[in-house]
């Protein structure tokens, strides 16, 4: 019948219309998805660029730290050798010389060339006893990149941090020594500055500073201002401090040493 044919035609038109609308919806969704993916890829490329710059700064920082620690250890070795030479004829115990039948000076042994005297030993022991009690190097901030291996969320981008990265609400905030000690170096890392402080056999390093308040050889107290945080190049509004902790020439995680 003609009426049945008309009904069927209307139903077919409705189906086609619905399918056309669905295609349009899917097309819009695909475009939105492509835009999101494009944005994520663009963001990932920018993050990769930022991470590459950080890795370069980290390498420069670590190379400088390693060189400074080597110089400090070599200086302590020379000091130990000089002291041993002075004491050979006086307080150094003698041991038999099986070759000549006489005696030779007993070699001086030490666990660490960085704790040769009572002052350095006491300072190192005091630093160690303050684990989990050390004040933060800034009054306001949070750990935005943890120590060691890490992966940026929602990306495949990975890195390795020599210390912890502390983000601050703004640049220019004061950076303070977390413990008493001696400034063993003030040096440049790229276009920013860094301060390295010795606490017996421990070292703390404060990097990405816009300015410093101390020079090599200064004695500093806990909480003393040593510089100011530089602007975060990746953000532009906040600041970013790289904080490194070492025992002799080994990097260790600073986070467990700071107050909760």
Protein backbone atom coordinates (compact mmCIF):
# COMPACT_ATOMS: atom_id res chain seq x y z
CA UNK A 1 0.00 0.00 0.00
CA UNK A 2 1.00 3.57 -0.70
CA UNK A 3 0.65 4.61 2.98
CA UNK A 4 2.97 1.77 4.07
CA UNK A 5 5.55 2.84 1.54
CA UNK A 6 5.36 6.42 2.81
CA UNK A 7 5.81 5.23 6.40
CA UNK A 8 8.80 3.14 5.42
CA UNK A 9 10.27 6.08 3.54
CA UNK A 10 9.87 8.35 6.58
CA UNK A 11 11.50 5.73 8.79
CA UNK A 12 14.40 5.40 6.37
CA UNK A 13 14.82 9.17 6.25
CA UNK A 14 14.86 9.30 10.04
CA UNK A 15 17.52 6.60 10.18
CA UNK A 16 19.65 8.42 7.60
CA UNK A 17 19.20 11.71 9.44
CA UNK A 18 20.22 10.08 12.73
CA UNK A 19 23.25 8.48 11.11
CA UNK A 20 24.26 11.82 9.59
CA UNK A 21 23.98 13.49 12.99
CA UNK A 22 26.04 10.72 14.59
CA UNK A 23 28.73 11.15 11.95
CA UNK A 24 28.85 14.87 12.69
CA UNK A 25 29.10 14.20 16.44
CA UNK A 26 31.90 11.68 15.90
CA UNK A 27 33.68 14.11 13.61
CA UNK A 28 33.52 16.83 16.27
CA UNK A 29 34.75 14.38 18.93
CA UNK A 30 37.63 13.30 16.68
CA UNK A 31 38.65 16.92 16.10
CA UNK A 32 38.51 17.60 19.85
CA UNK A 33 40.58 14.48 20.55
CA UNK A 34 43.13 15.49 17.90
CA UNK A 35 43.37 18.94 19.48
CA UNK A 36 43.92 17.43 22.94
CA UNK A 37 46.56 15.02 21.60
CA UNK A 38 48.24 17.86 19.74
CA UNK A 39 48.26 19.96 22.89
CA UNK A 40 49.69 17.07 24.93
CA UNK A 41 52.41 16.43 22.35
CA UNK A 42 53.26 20.11 22.28
CA UNK A 43 53.37 20.17 26.08
CA UNK A 44 55.50 17.03 26.14
CA UNK A 45 57.97 18.57 23.68
CA UNK A 46 58.20 21.65 25.90
CA UNK A 47 58.69 19.45 28.98
CA UNK A 48 61.42 17.51 27.17
CA UNK A 49 63.12 20.80 26.33
CA UNK A 50 62.89 21.95 29.95
CA UNK A 51 64.19 18.61 31.24
CA UNK A 52 67.13 18.70 28.79
CA UNK A 53 68.06 22.14 30.15
CA UNK A 54 67.76 20.85 33.74
CA UNK A 55 69.93 17.82 32.97
CA UNK A 56 72.60 20.12 31.53
CA UNK A 57 72.52 22.31 34.66
CA UNK A 58 72.55 19.22 36.91
CA UNK A 59 75.64 17.83 35.13
CA UNK A 60 77.44 21.14 35.50
CA UNK A 61 76.45 21.36 39.16
CA UNK A 62 77.52 17.79 39.96
CA UNK A 63 80.83 18.18 38.13
CA UNK A 64 81.57 21.31 40.17
CA UNK A 65 80.57 19.58 43.43
CA UNK A 66 82.75 16.54 42.69
CA UNK A 67 85.75 18.75 41.89
CA UNK A 68 85.29 20.74 45.13
CA UNK A 69 85.02 17.58 47.27
CA UNK A 70 88.17 16.18 45.62
CA UNK A 71 90.05 19.40 46.41
CA UNK A 72 88.88 19.35 50.04
CA UNK A 73 89.88 15.68 50.47
CA UNK A 74 93.29 16.26 48.84
CA UNK A 75 93.88 19.24 51.14
CA UNK A 76 93.00 17.10 54.17
CA UNK A 77 95.32 14.33 52.96
CA UNK A 78 98.20 16.80 52.68
CA UNK A 79 97.39 18.10 56.14
CA UNK A 80 97.36 14.53 57.50
CA UNK A 81 100.69 13.77 55.84
CA UNK A 82 102.23 16.94 57.33
CA UNK A 83 100.94 16.06 60.80
CA UNK A 84 102.21 12.49 60.47
CA UNK A 85 105.65 13.74 59.45
CA UNK A 86 105.78 16.04 62.49
CA UNK A 87 104.77 13.21 64.86
CA UNK A 88 107.07 10.49 63.56
CA UNK A 89 109.90 11.38 65.98
CA UNK A 90 107.64 12.11 68.91
CA UNK A 91 104.27 10.48 69.42
CA UNK A 92 104.04 8.01 66.52
CA UNK A 93 104.49 4.46 67.86
CA UNK A 94 107.28 2.48 66.26
CA UNK A 95 107.00 -1.02 64.82
CA UNK A 96 109.82 -3.51 64.12
CA UNK A 97 111.53 -3.35 60.74
CA UNK A 98 112.09 -6.99 59.80
CA UNK A 99 114.52 -6.04 57.02
CA UNK A 100 117.03 -4.02 59.03
CA UNK A 101 116.17 -5.11 62.53
CA UNK A 102 115.37 -1.52 63.53
CA UNK A 103 112.02 0.23 63.76
CA UNK A 104 109.90 2.32 61.37
CA UNK A 105 107.08 4.71 62.05
CA UNK A 106 103.62 3.15 62.15
CA UNK A 107 101.43 4.63 59.36
CA UNK A 108 98.59 6.89 60.45
CA UNK A 109 95.15 5.46 59.65
CA UNK A 110 91.87 7.32 59.59
CA UNK A 111 88.30 6.40 58.64
CA UNK A 112 87.70 9.65 56.80
CA UNK A 113 90.07 12.36 55.63
CA UNK A 114 87.21 14.78 56.25
CA UNK A 115 87.14 14.15 60.00
CA UNK A 116 90.76 14.33 61.01
CA UNK A 117 90.37 16.61 63.99
CA UNK A 118 88.05 16.71 66.99
CA UNK A 119 86.17 19.77 65.71
CA UNK A 120 85.28 18.18 62.37
CA UNK A 121 84.34 14.89 64.04
CA UNK A 122 82.06 16.67 66.50
CA UNK A 123 80.47 18.74 63.72
CA UNK A 124 79.82 15.66 61.58
CA UNK A 125 78.39 13.74 64.54
CA UNK A 126 76.18 16.69 65.47
CA UNK A 127 74.91 16.97 61.89
CA UNK A 128 74.17 13.25 61.81
CA UNK A 129 72.29 13.38 65.12
CA UNK A 130 70.01 16.05 63.63
CA UNK A 131 68.60 13.77 60.96
CA UNK A 132 64.88 14.57 60.48
CA UNK A 133 65.42 17.75 62.54
CA UNK A 134 67.18 20.03 60.05
CA UNK A 135 65.25 23.20 59.14
CA UNK A 136 64.19 23.72 55.54
CA UNK A 137 66.49 25.97 53.50
CA UNK A 138 63.49 28.22 52.67
CA UNK A 139 60.59 29.34 54.86
CA UNK A 140 57.94 28.52 52.24
CA UNK A 141 58.22 25.85 49.58
CA UNK A 142 57.47 22.28 48.59
CA UNK A 143 59.38 19.47 46.91
CA UNK A 144 58.45 19.63 43.23
CA UNK A 145 61.05 17.07 42.08
CA UNK A 146 62.18 14.31 44.40
CA UNK A 147 65.62 12.77 44.81
CA UNK A 148 66.77 10.08 42.38
CA UNK A 149 64.85 8.64 39.45
CA UNK A 150 61.51 10.20 38.57
CA UNK A 151 58.96 10.30 35.73
CA UNK A 152 56.85 13.32 34.82
CA UNK A 153 53.18 12.53 35.34
CA UNK A 154 51.18 11.51 32.24
CA UNK A 155 54.33 11.41 30.09
CA UNK A 156 57.15 9.03 29.27
CA UNK A 157 59.70 11.67 30.23
CA UNK A 158 62.17 10.45 32.87
CA UNK A 159 65.02 12.05 34.78
CA UNK A 160 67.35 11.64 37.73
CA UNK A 161 67.76 14.27 40.45
CA UNK A 162 71.04 14.67 42.37
CA UNK A 163 69.16 16.23 45.29
CA UNK A 164 65.66 17.62 45.71
CA UNK A 165 64.12 20.54 43.86
CA UNK A 166 62.17 22.92 46.10
CA UNK A 167 59.64 25.24 44.42
CA UNK A 168 58.84 28.53 46.16
CA UNK A 169 55.80 30.82 45.67
CA UNK A 170 58.02 33.56 44.28
CA UNK A 171 61.65 34.21 43.37
CA UNK A 172 63.93 36.22 45.64
CA UNK A 173 63.04 34.42 48.88
CA UNK A 174 65.85 33.96 51.39
CA UNK A 175 67.87 30.74 51.34
CA UNK A 176 69.28 29.65 54.70
CA UNK A 177 71.95 27.21 55.80
CA UNK A 178 70.34 24.13 57.31
CA UNK A 179 73.22 23.65 59.75
CA UNK A 180 76.37 25.34 61.00
CA UNK A 181 79.51 24.84 58.97
CA UNK A 182 82.11 26.41 56.69
CA UNK A 183 81.52 27.73 53.18
CA UNK A 184 83.91 25.75 50.97
CA UNK A 185 82.79 27.23 47.64
CA UNK A 186 80.64 29.87 45.97
CA UNK A 187 80.43 29.20 42.23
CA UNK A 188 78.39 29.75 39.08
CA UNK A 189 76.09 27.20 37.46
CA UNK A 190 75.02 28.64 34.13
CA UNK A 191 73.64 32.10 34.80
CA UNK A 192 72.86 31.38 38.48
CA UNK A 193 74.98 30.85 41.58
CA UNK A 194 75.54 28.06 44.10
CA UNK A 195 76.87 27.83 47.67
CA UNK A 196 78.50 24.71 49.13
CA UNK A 197 78.85 24.32 52.90
CA UNK A 198 80.87 21.70 54.79
CA UNK A 199 79.58 20.13 58.00
CA UNK A 200 82.37 17.73 58.99
CA UNK A 201 82.17 14.92 56.43
CA UNK A 202 78.77 16.17 55.21
CA UNK A 203 78.18 18.79 52.54
CA UNK A 204 75.05 20.77 51.64
CA UNK A 205 74.69 22.58 48.32
CA UNK A 206 72.21 25.35 47.51
CA UNK A 207 71.94 26.01 43.77
CA UNK A 208 69.93 28.26 41.43
CA UNK A 209 70.54 31.39 43.49
CA UNK A 210 70.16 34.88 42.05
CA UNK A 211 72.60 36.31 44.64
CA UNK A 212 74.73 35.17 47.58
CA UNK A 213 75.52 36.65 51.01
CA UNK A 214 78.64 34.61 51.81
CA UNK A 215 82.11 33.92 50.43
CA UNK A 216 84.48 30.96 50.60
CA UNK A 217 85.91 30.52 54.10
CA UNK A 218 82.96 32.05 55.96
CA UNK A 219 81.68 30.22 59.03
CA UNK A 220 77.88 30.09 59.00
CA UNK A 221 75.27 29.32 61.63
CA UNK A 222 72.09 27.28 61.35
CA UNK A 223 69.41 29.43 59.75
CA UNK A 224 71.85 32.07 58.47
CA UNK A 225 70.84 33.65 55.15
CA UNK A 226 73.32 32.67 52.43
CA UNK A 227 71.51 33.90 49.31
CA UNK A 228 68.24 34.30 47.42
CA UNK A 229 66.30 31.93 45.15
CA UNK A 230 66.43 32.71 41.43
CA UNK A 231 63.34 32.79 39.21
CA UNK A 232 62.00 29.49 37.89
CA UNK A 233 62.77 29.60 34.15
CA UNK A 234 60.04 27.02 33.48
CA UNK A 235 57.40 28.99 35.36
CA UNK A 236 58.45 32.61 35.50
CA UNK A 237 56.37 33.43 38.57
CA UNK A 238 57.85 31.22 41.27
CA UNK A 239 61.34 30.29 42.38
CA UNK A 240 63.20 27.00 42.29
CA UNK A 241 66.00 25.87 44.62
CA UNK A 242 68.18 22.83 43.95
CA UNK A 243 69.21 21.39 47.34
CA UNK A 244 71.87 18.67 47.43
CA UNK A 245 73.17 16.68 50.42
CA UNK A 246 76.34 14.60 50.35
CA UNK A 247 78.25 12.42 52.77
CA UNK A 248 81.86 12.76 51.60
CA UNK A 249 81.54 12.27 47.81
CA UNK A 250 78.23 10.38 47.78
CA UNK A 251 74.86 12.01 47.09
CA UNK A 252 72.11 11.05 49.54
CA UNK A 253 68.41 11.91 49.75
CA UNK A 254 68.01 15.19 51.72
CA UNK A 255 64.27 14.75 52.33
CA UNK A 256 64.51 12.40 55.38
CA UNK A 257 66.93 14.86 57.00
CA UNK A 258 64.51 17.81 56.94
CA UNK A 259 61.83 18.49 59.54
CA UNK A 260 58.39 17.11 58.69
